[in-house]
N, C-alpha and C. Protein backbone atom coordinates (compact mmCIF):
# COMPACT_ATOMS: atom_id res chain seq x y z
N MET A 1 -1.99 -211.12 -124.78
CA MET A 1 -1.61 -211.51 -123.45
C MET A 1 -0.48 -212.54 -123.51
N PHE A 2 -0.63 -213.57 -124.31
CA PHE A 2 0.40 -214.58 -124.44
C PHE A 2 1.05 -214.48 -125.82
N ALA A 3 1.36 -213.28 -126.22
CA ALA A 3 1.94 -213.06 -127.54
C ALA A 3 3.32 -213.70 -127.65
N PHE A 4 4.02 -213.84 -126.54
CA PHE A 4 5.35 -214.43 -126.58
C PHE A 4 5.32 -215.92 -126.89
N LEU A 5 4.16 -216.56 -126.78
CA LEU A 5 4.06 -217.99 -127.05
C LEU A 5 3.74 -218.29 -128.51
N LYS A 6 3.71 -217.28 -129.36
CA LYS A 6 3.40 -217.52 -130.78
C LYS A 6 4.55 -218.21 -131.50
N GLU A 7 5.74 -218.00 -131.03
CA GLU A 7 6.90 -218.63 -131.64
C GLU A 7 7.06 -220.05 -131.07
N PRO A 8 7.30 -221.04 -131.91
CA PRO A 8 7.49 -222.41 -131.41
C PRO A 8 8.69 -222.54 -130.48
N SER A 9 9.73 -221.78 -130.73
CA SER A 9 10.91 -221.88 -129.88
C SER A 9 10.61 -221.38 -128.47
N HIS A 10 9.75 -220.38 -128.34
CA HIS A 10 9.38 -219.87 -127.02
C HIS A 10 8.56 -220.91 -126.25
N LEU A 11 7.68 -221.59 -126.95
CA LEU A 11 6.87 -222.62 -126.31
C LEU A 11 7.76 -223.78 -125.84
N LEU A 12 8.72 -224.16 -126.66
CA LEU A 12 9.65 -225.22 -126.30
C LEU A 12 10.49 -224.81 -125.09
N LEU A 13 10.93 -223.58 -125.06
CA LEU A 13 11.70 -223.07 -123.92
C LEU A 13 10.85 -223.09 -122.64
N LEU A 14 9.59 -222.74 -122.75
CA LEU A 14 8.70 -222.77 -121.60
C LEU A 14 8.53 -224.19 -121.07
N VAL A 15 8.38 -225.17 -121.94
CA VAL A 15 8.24 -226.57 -121.53
C VAL A 15 9.51 -227.04 -120.84
N VAL A 16 10.67 -226.67 -121.37
CA VAL A 16 11.94 -227.08 -120.76
C VAL A 16 12.07 -226.49 -119.36
N VAL A 17 11.71 -225.22 -119.20
CA VAL A 17 11.79 -224.58 -117.89
C VAL A 17 10.83 -225.26 -116.92
N LEU A 18 9.62 -225.58 -117.35
CA LEU A 18 8.66 -226.26 -116.47
C LEU A 18 9.18 -227.63 -116.03
N VAL A 19 9.80 -228.36 -116.95
CA VAL A 19 10.34 -229.67 -116.59
C VAL A 19 11.48 -229.52 -115.60
N LEU A 20 12.32 -228.52 -115.79
CA LEU A 20 13.44 -228.30 -114.87
C LEU A 20 12.96 -227.87 -113.49
N VAL A 21 11.93 -227.04 -113.45
CA VAL A 21 11.46 -226.52 -112.17
C VAL A 21 10.67 -227.58 -111.40
N PHE A 22 9.73 -228.23 -112.04
CA PHE A 22 8.83 -229.15 -111.35
C PHE A 22 9.25 -230.62 -111.47
N GLY A 23 10.01 -230.97 -112.46
CA GLY A 23 10.37 -232.37 -112.66
C GLY A 23 9.35 -233.07 -113.53
N ALA A 24 9.81 -234.02 -114.30
CA ALA A 24 8.94 -234.71 -115.26
C ALA A 24 7.87 -235.54 -114.56
N ALA A 25 8.15 -236.04 -113.36
CA ALA A 25 7.19 -236.89 -112.66
C ALA A 25 6.00 -236.10 -112.14
N ARG A 26 6.21 -234.84 -111.77
CA ARG A 26 5.12 -234.06 -111.17
C ARG A 26 4.26 -233.33 -112.19
N LEU A 27 4.73 -233.15 -113.41
CA LEU A 27 3.96 -232.39 -114.40
C LEU A 27 2.59 -232.98 -114.70
N PRO A 28 2.43 -234.31 -114.86
CA PRO A 28 1.08 -234.83 -115.11
C PRO A 28 0.11 -234.57 -113.96
N SER A 29 0.58 -234.69 -112.72
CA SER A 29 -0.32 -234.44 -111.59
C SER A 29 -0.66 -232.96 -111.50
N ILE A 30 0.27 -232.08 -111.83
CA ILE A 30 -0.01 -230.64 -111.83
C ILE A 30 -1.05 -230.32 -112.89
N ALA A 31 -0.89 -230.91 -114.08
CA ALA A 31 -1.86 -230.67 -115.16
C ALA A 31 -3.24 -231.20 -114.78
N LYS A 32 -3.28 -232.36 -114.13
CA LYS A 32 -4.56 -232.94 -113.71
C LYS A 32 -5.25 -232.04 -112.69
N ASN A 33 -4.51 -231.57 -111.70
CA ASN A 33 -5.07 -230.68 -110.69
C ASN A 33 -5.54 -229.37 -111.29
N LEU A 34 -4.78 -228.85 -112.24
CA LEU A 34 -5.18 -227.61 -112.90
C LEU A 34 -6.47 -227.82 -113.69
N GLY A 35 -6.59 -228.96 -114.38
CA GLY A 35 -7.80 -229.25 -115.14
C GLY A 35 -9.02 -229.40 -114.24
N GLU A 36 -8.85 -230.08 -113.10
CA GLU A 36 -9.96 -230.23 -112.17
C GLU A 36 -10.37 -228.88 -111.58
N SER A 37 -9.40 -228.06 -111.30
CA SER A 37 -9.70 -226.73 -110.76
C SER A 37 -10.48 -225.90 -111.78
N MET A 38 -10.10 -225.99 -113.04
CA MET A 38 -10.81 -225.25 -114.08
C MET A 38 -12.24 -225.75 -114.22
N LYS A 39 -12.45 -227.07 -114.11
CA LYS A 39 -13.81 -227.60 -114.18
C LYS A 39 -14.68 -227.07 -113.05
N VAL A 40 -14.13 -227.09 -111.84
CA VAL A 40 -14.88 -226.59 -110.68
C VAL A 40 -15.19 -225.11 -110.86
N PHE A 41 -14.21 -224.33 -111.30
CA PHE A 41 -14.41 -222.90 -111.51
C PHE A 41 -15.50 -222.64 -112.54
N LYS A 42 -15.45 -223.34 -113.67
CA LYS A 42 -16.46 -223.15 -114.71
C LYS A 42 -17.85 -223.54 -114.22
N ARG A 43 -17.92 -224.63 -113.44
CA ARG A 43 -19.22 -225.07 -112.91
C ARG A 43 -19.80 -224.02 -111.96
N GLU A 44 -18.94 -223.47 -111.09
CA GLU A 44 -19.42 -222.46 -110.15
C GLU A 44 -19.86 -221.18 -110.87
N VAL A 45 -19.13 -220.77 -111.89
CA VAL A 45 -19.52 -219.59 -112.65
C VAL A 45 -20.86 -219.83 -113.34
N LYS A 46 -21.05 -221.03 -113.89
CA LYS A 46 -22.32 -221.37 -114.55
C LYS A 46 -23.47 -221.35 -113.55
N GLU A 47 -23.23 -221.90 -112.35
CA GLU A 47 -24.29 -221.89 -111.32
C GLU A 47 -24.63 -220.46 -110.91
N LEU A 48 -23.63 -219.61 -110.79
CA LEU A 48 -23.90 -218.22 -110.44
C LEU A 48 -24.73 -217.52 -111.51
N LYS A 49 -24.40 -217.79 -112.78
CA LYS A 49 -25.17 -217.19 -113.87
C LYS A 49 -26.61 -217.71 -113.86
N ASP A 50 -26.77 -219.02 -113.62
CA ASP A 50 -28.11 -219.60 -113.57
C ASP A 50 -28.92 -219.02 -112.41
N ASP A 51 -28.25 -218.82 -111.25
CA ASP A 51 -28.93 -218.23 -110.10
C ASP A 51 -29.37 -216.81 -110.40
N ASP A 52 -28.52 -216.05 -111.09
CA ASP A 52 -28.87 -214.67 -111.42
C ASP A 52 -30.05 -214.62 -112.38
N GLN A 53 -30.09 -215.55 -113.34
CA GLN A 53 -31.18 -215.56 -114.30
C GLN A 53 -32.47 -216.04 -113.66
N ALA A 54 -32.38 -216.94 -112.69
CA ALA A 54 -33.57 -217.50 -112.05
C ALA A 54 -34.15 -216.56 -111.00
N ALA A 55 -33.34 -215.62 -110.50
CA ALA A 55 -33.83 -214.71 -109.47
C ALA A 55 -34.86 -213.76 -110.07
N PRO A 56 -36.02 -213.65 -109.44
CA PRO A 56 -37.05 -212.75 -109.97
C PRO A 56 -36.64 -211.30 -109.74
N THR A 57 -36.99 -210.48 -110.69
CA THR A 57 -36.73 -209.05 -110.53
C THR A 57 -37.95 -208.40 -109.91
N VAL A 58 -37.71 -207.53 -108.97
CA VAL A 58 -38.79 -206.86 -108.25
C VAL A 58 -38.88 -205.43 -108.75
N VAL A 59 -40.07 -205.05 -109.19
CA VAL A 59 -40.30 -203.69 -109.65
C VAL A 59 -41.32 -203.07 -108.72
N GLN A 60 -40.96 -201.95 -108.09
CA GLN A 60 -41.89 -201.29 -107.19
C GLN A 60 -42.73 -200.31 -108.01
N GLN A 61 -44.04 -200.38 -107.77
CA GLN A 61 -44.97 -199.48 -108.43
C GLN A 61 -45.05 -198.19 -107.64
N PRO A 62 -45.16 -197.07 -108.33
CA PRO A 62 -45.33 -195.82 -107.59
C PRO A 62 -46.64 -195.84 -106.81
N THR A 63 -46.59 -195.33 -105.60
CA THR A 63 -47.77 -195.31 -104.75
C THR A 63 -48.22 -193.88 -104.57
N SER A 64 -49.38 -193.74 -103.92
CA SER A 64 -49.89 -192.40 -103.69
C SER A 64 -48.98 -191.67 -102.73
N ALA A 65 -48.98 -190.36 -102.80
CA ALA A 65 -48.10 -189.55 -101.97
C ALA A 65 -48.44 -189.74 -100.50
N GLY A 66 -47.40 -189.87 -99.68
CA GLY A 66 -47.62 -189.97 -98.25
C GLY A 66 -47.67 -191.38 -97.72
N SER A 67 -47.97 -192.36 -98.53
CA SER A 67 -48.00 -193.72 -98.02
C SER A 67 -46.75 -194.46 -98.50
N PRO A 68 -46.10 -195.17 -97.60
CA PRO A 68 -44.89 -195.89 -98.01
C PRO A 68 -45.23 -197.09 -98.88
N ALA A 69 -44.29 -197.45 -99.74
CA ALA A 69 -44.48 -198.60 -100.62
C ALA A 69 -44.33 -199.88 -99.81
N PRO A 70 -45.18 -200.88 -100.05
CA PRO A 70 -45.03 -202.14 -99.33
C PRO A 70 -43.74 -202.83 -99.76
N SER A 71 -43.17 -203.58 -98.83
CA SER A 71 -41.92 -204.25 -99.16
C SER A 71 -42.20 -205.39 -100.14
N ALA A 72 -41.22 -205.66 -101.01
CA ALA A 72 -41.39 -206.67 -102.04
C ALA A 72 -41.35 -208.07 -101.45
N SER A 73 -40.55 -208.27 -100.42
CA SER A 73 -40.48 -209.59 -99.80
C SER A 73 -40.45 -209.42 -98.29
N PRO A 74 -41.02 -210.36 -97.58
CA PRO A 74 -41.01 -210.24 -96.12
C PRO A 74 -39.59 -210.38 -95.59
N VAL A 75 -39.33 -209.71 -94.50
CA VAL A 75 -38.01 -209.76 -93.88
C VAL A 75 -37.97 -210.96 -92.96
N ALA A 76 -36.91 -211.76 -93.10
CA ALA A 76 -36.77 -212.95 -92.26
C ALA A 76 -36.39 -212.51 -90.86
N PRO A 77 -36.91 -213.19 -89.84
CA PRO A 77 -36.55 -212.81 -88.47
C PRO A 77 -35.08 -213.09 -88.22
N ALA A 78 -34.50 -212.29 -87.36
CA ALA A 78 -33.08 -212.46 -87.04
C ALA A 78 -32.88 -213.76 -86.27
N ALA A 79 -31.74 -214.37 -86.48
CA ALA A 79 -31.43 -215.61 -85.78
C ALA A 79 -31.19 -215.30 -84.31
N PRO A 80 -31.62 -216.18 -83.41
CA PRO A 80 -31.41 -215.91 -81.99
C PRO A 80 -29.93 -215.94 -81.67
N ALA A 81 -29.54 -215.11 -80.71
CA ALA A 81 -28.14 -215.05 -80.31
C ALA A 81 -27.76 -216.34 -79.61
N ALA A 82 -26.52 -216.73 -79.80
CA ALA A 82 -26.03 -217.95 -79.16
C ALA A 82 -25.98 -217.74 -77.66
N GLU A 83 -26.36 -218.77 -76.92
CA GLU A 83 -26.37 -218.65 -75.47
C GLU A 83 -24.95 -218.63 -74.95
N GLN A 84 -24.68 -217.76 -74.01
CA GLN A 84 -23.37 -217.65 -73.40
C GLN A 84 -23.26 -218.69 -72.29
N PRO A 85 -22.17 -219.45 -72.25
CA PRO A 85 -22.02 -220.41 -71.15
C PRO A 85 -21.81 -219.67 -69.84
N GLN A 86 -22.44 -220.16 -68.80
CA GLN A 86 -22.33 -219.50 -67.51
C GLN A 86 -21.40 -220.32 -66.62
N ASP A 87 -20.64 -219.60 -65.79
CA ASP A 87 -19.71 -220.27 -64.87
C ASP A 87 -20.50 -220.94 -63.75
N ALA A 88 -19.88 -221.94 -63.18
CA ALA A 88 -20.51 -222.63 -62.06
C ALA A 88 -20.55 -221.69 -60.86
N PRO A 89 -21.54 -221.85 -59.95
CA PRO A 89 -21.63 -220.97 -58.80
C PRO A 89 -20.37 -221.08 -57.94
N GLY A 90 -19.89 -219.93 -57.46
CA GLY A 90 -18.74 -219.89 -56.58
C GLY A 90 -17.42 -219.88 -57.33
N GLU A 91 -17.45 -220.04 -58.64
CA GLU A 91 -16.21 -220.04 -59.41
C GLU A 91 -15.94 -218.62 -59.87
N GLN A 92 -14.77 -218.15 -59.61
CA GLN A 92 -14.41 -216.80 -60.02
C GLN A 92 -13.30 -216.90 -61.05
N VAL A 93 -13.48 -216.18 -62.11
CA VAL A 93 -12.48 -216.18 -63.17
C VAL A 93 -11.94 -214.78 -63.28
N GLY A 94 -10.61 -214.64 -63.18
CA GLY A 94 -9.97 -213.34 -63.28
C GLY A 94 -9.90 -212.87 -64.72
N SER A 95 -9.42 -211.64 -64.91
CA SER A 95 -9.36 -211.08 -66.25
C SER A 95 -8.34 -211.80 -67.13
N ALA A 96 -7.35 -212.45 -66.52
CA ALA A 96 -6.35 -213.17 -67.29
C ALA A 96 -6.74 -214.62 -67.49
N GLY A 97 -7.94 -215.01 -67.09
CA GLY A 97 -8.42 -216.36 -67.28
C GLY A 97 -7.96 -217.31 -66.19
N GLN A 98 -7.46 -216.78 -65.08
CA GLN A 98 -7.01 -217.61 -63.97
C GLN A 98 -8.12 -217.69 -62.93
N GLN A 99 -8.21 -218.82 -62.27
CA GLN A 99 -9.23 -218.96 -61.25
C GLN A 99 -8.79 -218.26 -59.98
N GLY A 100 -9.74 -217.73 -59.28
CA GLY A 100 -9.46 -217.08 -57.98
C GLY A 100 -8.90 -215.70 -58.17
N THR A 101 -8.80 -215.00 -57.04
CA THR A 101 -8.27 -213.65 -57.09
C THR A 101 -6.98 -213.50 -56.33
N GLY A 102 -6.57 -214.53 -55.64
CA GLY A 102 -5.34 -214.46 -54.86
C GLY A 102 -4.13 -214.66 -55.75
N SER A 103 -2.98 -214.23 -55.26
CA SER A 103 -1.76 -214.41 -56.03
C SER A 103 -1.08 -215.69 -55.56
N SER A 104 -0.42 -216.33 -56.49
CA SER A 104 0.27 -217.57 -56.13
C SER A 104 1.75 -217.30 -56.02
N GLN A 105 2.37 -217.93 -55.08
CA GLN A 105 3.81 -217.78 -54.90
C GLN A 105 4.45 -219.09 -55.31
N GLY A 106 5.51 -218.98 -56.04
CA GLY A 106 5.93 -220.21 -56.50
C GLY A 106 7.25 -220.64 -56.65
């Protein structure tokens, strides 16, 4: 993948280009941000692997013919729908979001 970086001259050329593009003052902060991002990424990947290993595996046993297999885990009830705000009595809102139905002259 990075076979072109095997030569020392190629690596030196890459460093020179990075300094020219980003400037010498910004390179340390870029490297710091990249390192922090890699730490966060590795931690999240590790947590995902740990979650996968900790999750129990469910094996359904064959049941007698004609009867359905019981579910492995209970189904959580659906969350209630958010309440819709209601307009005040006597207030009419048109399709364009304007109050009233009359036209304004202006």
